Amino acid sequence: MVMEALRDGPQTGADIARAVQARKQQLTYKRAYHRVYICLWNLKKRGLVRHEGRLWLAP
């Protein structure tokens, strides 16, 4: 879901968390935000996303 959100272009972690929460309504925003950031950092380690300022980008 994180990569799907980034297909629309660069976004902040909060924007991505809102997109995830909209699809998984049983998650609170706080929980979605936490999970998104864990996922983003793992994707960054694997070279699948970049972080520039406040924005996350899929290369």
PDB file of N, CA and C in Angstrom:
ATOM      1  N   MET A   1       0.821  -1.193   0.000  1.00  0.00           N
ATOM      2  CA  MET A   1       0.000   0.000   0.000  1.00  0.00           C
ATOM      3  C   MET A   1       0.864   1.256   0.000  1.00  0.00           C
ATOM      4  N   VAL A   2       2.018   1.183   0.652  1.00  0.00           N
ATOM      5  CA  VAL A   2       2.921   2.336   0.688  1.00  0.00           C
ATOM      6  C   VAL A   2       3.427   2.642  -0.716  1.00  0.00           C
ATOM      7  N   MET A   3       3.889   1.626  -1.423  1.00  0.00           N
ATOM      8  CA  MET A   3       4.387   1.842  -2.774  1.00  0.00           C
ATOM      9  C   MET A   3       3.271   2.310  -3.703  1.00  0.00           C
ATOM     10  N   GLU A   4       2.082   1.805  -3.490  1.00  0.00           N
ATOM     11  CA  GLU A   4       0.937   2.229  -4.292  1.00  0.00           C
ATOM     12  C   GLU A   4       0.653   3.714  -4.073  1.00  0.00           C
ATOM     13  N   ALA A   5       0.743   4.170  -2.836  1.00  0.00           N
ATOM     14  CA  ALA A   5       0.527   5.588  -2.536  1.00  0.00           C
ATOM     15  C   ALA A   5       1.585   6.456  -3.204  1.00  0.00           C
ATOM     16  N   LEU A   6       2.815   5.961  -3.289  1.00  0.00           N
ATOM     17  CA  LEU A   6       3.896   6.739  -3.884  1.00  0.00           C
ATOM     18  C   LEU A   6       3.839   6.764  -5.409  1.00  0.00           C
ATOM     19  N   ARG A   7       3.036   5.929  -6.016  1.00  0.00           N
ATOM     20  CA  ARG A   7       2.874   5.973  -7.476  1.00  0.00           C
ATOM     21  C   ARG A   7       2.253   7.288  -7.926  1.00  0.00           C
ATOM     22  N   ASP A   8       1.503   7.923  -7.032  1.00  0.00           N
ATOM     23  CA  ASP A   8       0.862   9.199  -7.355  1.00  0.00           C
ATOM     24  C   ASP A   8       1.831  10.364  -7.267  1.00  0.00           C
ATOM     25  N   GLY A   9       3.067  10.103  -6.864  1.00  0.00           N
ATOM     26  CA  GLY A   9       4.075  11.147  -6.741  1.00  0.00           C
ATOM     27  C   GLY A   9       4.589  11.254  -5.322  1.00  0.00           C
ATOM     28  N   PRO A  10       5.549  12.157  -5.110  1.00  0.00           N
ATOM     29  CA  PRO A  10       6.138  12.325  -3.780  1.00  0.00           C
ATOM     30  C   PRO A  10       5.080  12.711  -2.750  1.00  0.00           C
ATOM     31  N   GLN A  11       5.213  12.143  -1.555  1.00  0.00           N
ATOM     32  CA  GLN A  11       4.266  12.429  -0.483  1.00  0.00           C
ATOM     33  C   GLN A  11       4.989  12.435   0.855  1.00  0.00           C
ATOM     34  N   THR A  12       4.382  13.072   1.827  1.00  0.00           N
ATOM     35  CA  THR A  12       4.915  13.021   3.183  1.00  0.00           C
ATOM     36  C   THR A  12       4.469  11.710   3.830  1.00  0.00           C
ATOM     37  N   GLY A  13       5.128  11.356   4.906  1.00  0.00           N
ATOM     38  CA  GLY A  13       4.737  10.158   5.646  1.00  0.00           C
ATOM     39  C   GLY A  13       3.309  10.249   6.144  1.00  0.00           C
ATOM     40  N   ALA A  14       2.897  11.450   6.554  1.00  0.00           N
ATOM     41  CA  ALA A  14       1.527  11.642   7.036  1.00  0.00           C
ATOM     42  C   ALA A  14       0.512  11.408   5.920  1.00  0.00           C
ATOM     43  N   ASP A  15       0.827  11.879   4.711  1.00  0.00           N
ATOM     44  CA  ASP A  15      -0.073  11.650   3.564  1.00  0.00           C
ATOM     45  C   ASP A  15      -0.213  10.162   3.282  1.00  0.00           C
ATOM     46  N   ILE A  16       0.903   9.458   3.329  1.00  0.00           N
ATOM     47  CA  ILE A  16       0.886   8.015   3.067  1.00  0.00           C
ATOM     48  C   ILE A  16       0.091   7.307   4.159  1.00  0.00           C
ATOM     49  N   ALA A  17       0.274   7.723   5.408  1.00  0.00           N
ATOM     50  CA  ALA A  17      -0.461   7.114   6.523  1.00  0.00           C
ATOM     51  C   ALA A  17      -1.963   7.313   6.355  1.00  0.00           C
ATOM     52  N   ARG A  18      -2.372   8.492   5.903  1.00  0.00           N
ATOM     53  CA  ARG A  18      -3.808   8.734   5.668  1.00  0.00           C
ATOM     54  C   ARG A  18      -4.342   7.827   4.560  1.00  0.00           C
ATOM     55  N   ALA A  19      -3.547   7.626   3.517  1.00  0.00           N
ATOM     56  CA  ALA A  19      -3.969   6.744   2.424  1.00  0.00           C
ATOM     57  C   ALA A  19      -4.111   5.305   2.915  1.00  0.00           C
ATOM     58  N   VAL A  20      -3.176   4.867   3.748  1.00  0.00           N
ATOM     59  CA  VAL A  20      -3.239   3.507   4.296  1.00  0.00           C
ATOM     60  C   VAL A  20      -4.447   3.374   5.209  1.00  0.00           C
ATOM     61  N   GLN A  21      -4.664   4.364   6.061  1.00  0.00           N
ATOM     62  CA  GLN A  21      -5.799   4.291   6.980  1.00  0.00           C
ATOM     63  C   GLN A  21      -7.126   4.290   6.223  1.00  0.00           C
ATOM     64  N   ALA A  22      -7.194   5.002   5.111  1.00  0.00           N
ATOM     65  CA  ALA A  22      -8.428   5.024   4.316  1.00  0.00           C
ATOM     66  C   ALA A  22      -8.746   3.631   3.770  1.00  0.00           C
ATOM     67  N   ARG A  23      -7.702   2.873   3.446  1.00  0.00           N
ATOM     68  CA  ARG A  23      -7.918   1.516   2.928  1.00  0.00           C
ATOM     69  C   ARG A  23      -8.095   0.494   4.032  1.00  0.00           C
ATOM     70  N   LYS A  24      -7.465   0.708   5.170  1.00  0.00           N
ATOM     71  CA  LYS A  24      -7.553  -0.209   6.319  1.00  0.00           C
ATOM     72  C   LYS A  24      -8.216   0.531   7.470  1.00  0.00           C
ATOM     73  N   GLN A  25      -9.509   0.670   7.406  1.00  0.00           N
ATOM     74  CA  GLN A  25     -10.218   1.520   8.353  1.00  0.00           C
ATOM     75  C   GLN A  25     -10.187   1.017   9.790  1.00  0.00           C
ATOM     76  N   GLN A  26      -9.813  -0.246   9.988  1.00  0.00           N
ATOM     77  CA  GLN A  26      -9.731  -0.746  11.356  1.00  0.00           C
ATOM     78  C   GLN A  26      -8.496  -0.206  12.077  1.00  0.00           C
ATOM     79  N   LEU A  27      -7.538   0.361  11.325  1.00  0.00           N
ATOM     80  CA  LEU A  27      -6.341   0.953  11.929  1.00  0.00           C
ATOM     81  C   LEU A  27      -6.627   2.383  12.365  1.00  0.00           C
ATOM     82  N   THR A  28      -6.136   2.748  13.531  1.00  0.00           N
ATOM     83  CA  THR A  28      -6.190   4.158  13.915  1.00  0.00           C
ATOM     84  C   THR A  28      -5.133   4.887  13.102  1.00  0.00           C
ATOM     85  N   TYR A  29      -5.257   6.209  13.011  1.00  0.00           N
ATOM     86  CA  TYR A  29      -4.265   6.983  12.271  1.00  0.00           C
ATOM     87  C   TYR A  29      -2.885   6.818  12.902  1.00  0.00           C
ATOM     88  N   LYS A  30      -2.828   6.847  14.223  1.00  0.00           N
ATOM     89  CA  LYS A  30      -1.546   6.718  14.926  1.00  0.00           C
ATOM     90  C   LYS A  30      -0.875   5.387  14.593  1.00  0.00           C
ATOM     91  N   ARG A  31      -1.627   4.324  14.583  1.00  0.00           N
ATOM     92  CA  ARG A  31      -1.084   2.998  14.270  1.00  0.00           C
ATOM     93  C   ARG A  31      -0.659   2.923  12.799  1.00  0.00           C
ATOM     94  N   ALA A  32      -1.471   3.486  11.904  1.00  0.00           N
ATOM     95  CA  ALA A  32      -1.115   3.503  10.483  1.00  0.00           C
ATOM     96  C   ALA A  32       0.170   4.289  10.271  1.00  0.00           C
ATOM     97  N   TYR A  33       0.304   5.427  10.935  1.00  0.00           N
ATOM     98  CA  TYR A  33       1.500   6.267  10.824  1.00  0.00           C
ATOM     99  C   TYR A  33       2.738   5.495  11.260  1.00  0.00           C
ATOM    100  N   HIS A  34       2.630   4.805  12.380  1.00  0.00           N
ATOM    101  CA  HIS A  34       3.750   4.017  12.895  1.00  0.00           C
ATOM    102  C   HIS A  34       4.143   2.916  11.903  1.00  0.00           C
ATOM    103  N   ARG A  35       3.183   2.188  11.420  1.00  0.00           N
ATOM    104  CA  ARG A  35       3.458   1.099  10.471  1.00  0.00           C
ATOM    105  C   ARG A  35       4.038   1.615   9.166  1.00  0.00           C
ATOM    106  N   VAL A  36       3.531   2.747   8.689  1.00  0.00           N
ATOM    107  CA  VAL A  36       4.034   3.335   7.443  1.00  0.00           C
ATOM    108  C   VAL A  36       5.506   3.693   7.590  1.00  0.00           C
ATOM    109  N   TYR A  37       5.879   4.305   8.703  1.00  0.00           N
ATOM    110  CA  TYR A  37       7.284   4.701   8.868  1.00  0.00           C
ATOM    111  C   TYR A  37       8.206   3.498   8.997  1.00  0.00           C
ATOM    112  N   ILE A  38       7.773   2.450   9.653  1.00  0.00           N
ATOM    113  CA  ILE A  38       8.582   1.229   9.702  1.00  0.00           C
ATOM    114  C   ILE A  38       8.785   0.708   8.283  1.00  0.00           C
ATOM    115  N   CYS A  39       7.719   0.675   7.524  1.00  0.00           N
ATOM    116  CA  CYS A  39       7.783   0.199   6.143  1.00  0.00           C
ATOM    117  C   CYS A  39       8.684   1.101   5.298  1.00  0.00           C
ATOM    118  N   LEU A  40       8.529   2.422   5.415  1.00  0.00           N
ATOM    119  CA  LEU A  40       9.344   3.349   4.626  1.00  0.00           C
ATOM    120  C   LEU A  40      10.829   3.178   4.901  1.00  0.00           C
ATOM    121  N   TRP A  41      11.205   3.048   6.161  1.00  0.00           N
ATOM    122  CA  TRP A  41      12.631   2.895   6.484  1.00  0.00           C
ATOM    123  C   TRP A  41      13.170   1.570   5.960  1.00  0.00           C
ATOM    124  N   ASN A  42      12.366   0.523   6.007  1.00  0.00           N
ATOM    125  CA  ASN A  42      12.805  -0.761   5.437  1.00  0.00           C
ATOM    126  C   ASN A  42      12.940  -0.668   3.916  1.00  0.00           C
ATOM    127  N   LEU A  43      12.011   0.008   3.271  1.00  0.00           N
ATOM    128  CA  LEU A  43      12.088   0.192   1.822  1.00  0.00           C
ATOM    129  C   LEU A  43      13.299   1.052   1.453  1.00  0.00           C
ATOM    130  N   LYS A  44      13.599   2.034   2.292  1.00  0.00           N
ATOM    131  CA  LYS A  44      14.757   2.894   2.045  1.00  0.00           C
ATOM    132  C   LYS A  44      16.052   2.086   2.127  1.00  0.00           C
ATOM    133  N   LYS A  45      16.151   1.224   3.121  1.00  0.00           N
ATOM    134  CA  LYS A  45      17.342   0.370   3.263  1.00  0.00           C
ATOM    135  C   LYS A  45      17.549  -0.497   2.031  1.00  0.00           C
ATOM    136  N   ARG A  46      16.457  -0.920   1.404  1.00  0.00           N
ATOM    137  CA  ARG A  46      16.524  -1.791   0.224  1.00  0.00           C
ATOM    138  C   ARG A  46      16.675  -0.986  -1.066  1.00  0.00           C
ATOM    139  N   GLY A  47      16.680   0.339  -0.965  1.00  0.00           N
ATOM    140  CA  GLY A  47      16.855   1.186  -2.139  1.00  0.00           C
ATOM    141  C   GLY A  47      15.608   1.360  -2.988  1.00  0.00           C
ATOM    142  N   LEU A  48      14.445   1.081  -2.421  1.00  0.00           N
ATOM    143  CA  LEU A  48      13.203   1.160  -3.183  1.00  0.00           C
ATOM    144  C   LEU A  48      12.511   2.517  -3.083  1.00  0.00           C
ATOM    145  N   VAL A  49      12.871   3.313  -2.069  1.00  0.00           N
ATOM    146  CA  VAL A  49      12.338   4.669  -1.929  1.00  0.00           C
ATOM    147  C   VAL A  49      13.469   5.595  -1.497  1.00  0.00           C
ATOM    148  N   ARG A  50      13.244   6.896  -1.730  1.00  0.00           N
ATOM    149  CA  ARG A  50      14.188   7.924  -1.286  1.00  0.00           C
ATOM    150  C   ARG A  50      13.455   8.901  -0.390  1.00  0.00           C
ATOM    151  N   HIS A  51      14.221   9.569   0.454  1.00  0.00           N
ATOM    152  CA  HIS A  51      13.679  10.551   1.367  1.00  0.00           C
ATOM    153  C   HIS A  51      14.371  11.873   1.086  1.00  0.00           C
ATOM    154  N   GLU A  52      13.616  12.883   0.683  1.00  0.00           N
ATOM    155  CA  GLU A  52      14.170  14.209   0.401  1.00  0.00           C
ATOM    156  C   GLU A  52      13.363  15.232   1.188  1.00  0.00           C
ATOM    157  N   GLY A  53      13.977  15.785   2.204  1.00  0.00           N
ATOM    158  CA  GLY A  53      13.256  16.714   3.064  1.00  0.00           C
ATOM    159  C   GLY A  53      12.133  15.991   3.778  1.00  0.00           C
ATOM    160  N   ARG A  54      10.926  16.483   3.610  1.00  0.00           N
ATOM    161  CA  ARG A  54       9.767  15.826   4.226  1.00  0.00           C
ATOM    162  C   ARG A  54       9.104  14.822   3.293  1.00  0.00           C
ATOM    163  N   LEU A  55       9.571  14.758   2.054  1.00  0.00           N
ATOM    164  CA  LEU A  55       8.903  13.924   1.052  1.00  0.00           C
ATOM    165  C   LEU A  55       9.578  12.585   0.843  1.00  0.00           C
ATOM    166  N   TRP A  56       8.762  11.585   0.576  1.00  0.00           N
ATOM    167  CA  TRP A  56       9.219  10.260   0.199  1.00  0.00           C
ATOM    168  C   TRP A  56       8.922  10.065  -1.277  1.00  0.00           C
ATOM    169  N   LEU A  57       9.884   9.484  -2.011  1.00  0.00           N
ATOM    170  CA  LEU A  57       9.743   9.295  -3.450  1.00  0.00           C
ATOM    171  C   LEU A  57      10.103   7.872  -3.817  1.00  0.00           C
ATOM    172  N   ALA A  58       9.417   7.350  -4.797  1.00  0.00           N
ATOM    173  CA  ALA A  58       9.778   6.058  -5.371  1.00  0.00           C
ATOM    174  C   ALA A  58      10.605   6.352  -6.616  1.00  0.00           C
ATOM    175  N   PRO A  59      11.838   5.850  -6.672  1.00  0.00           N
ATOM    176  CA  PRO A  59      12.695   6.155  -7.830  1.00  0.00           C
ATOM    177  C   PRO A  59      12.142   5.630  -9.143  1.00  0.00           C
TER     178      PRO A  59
END
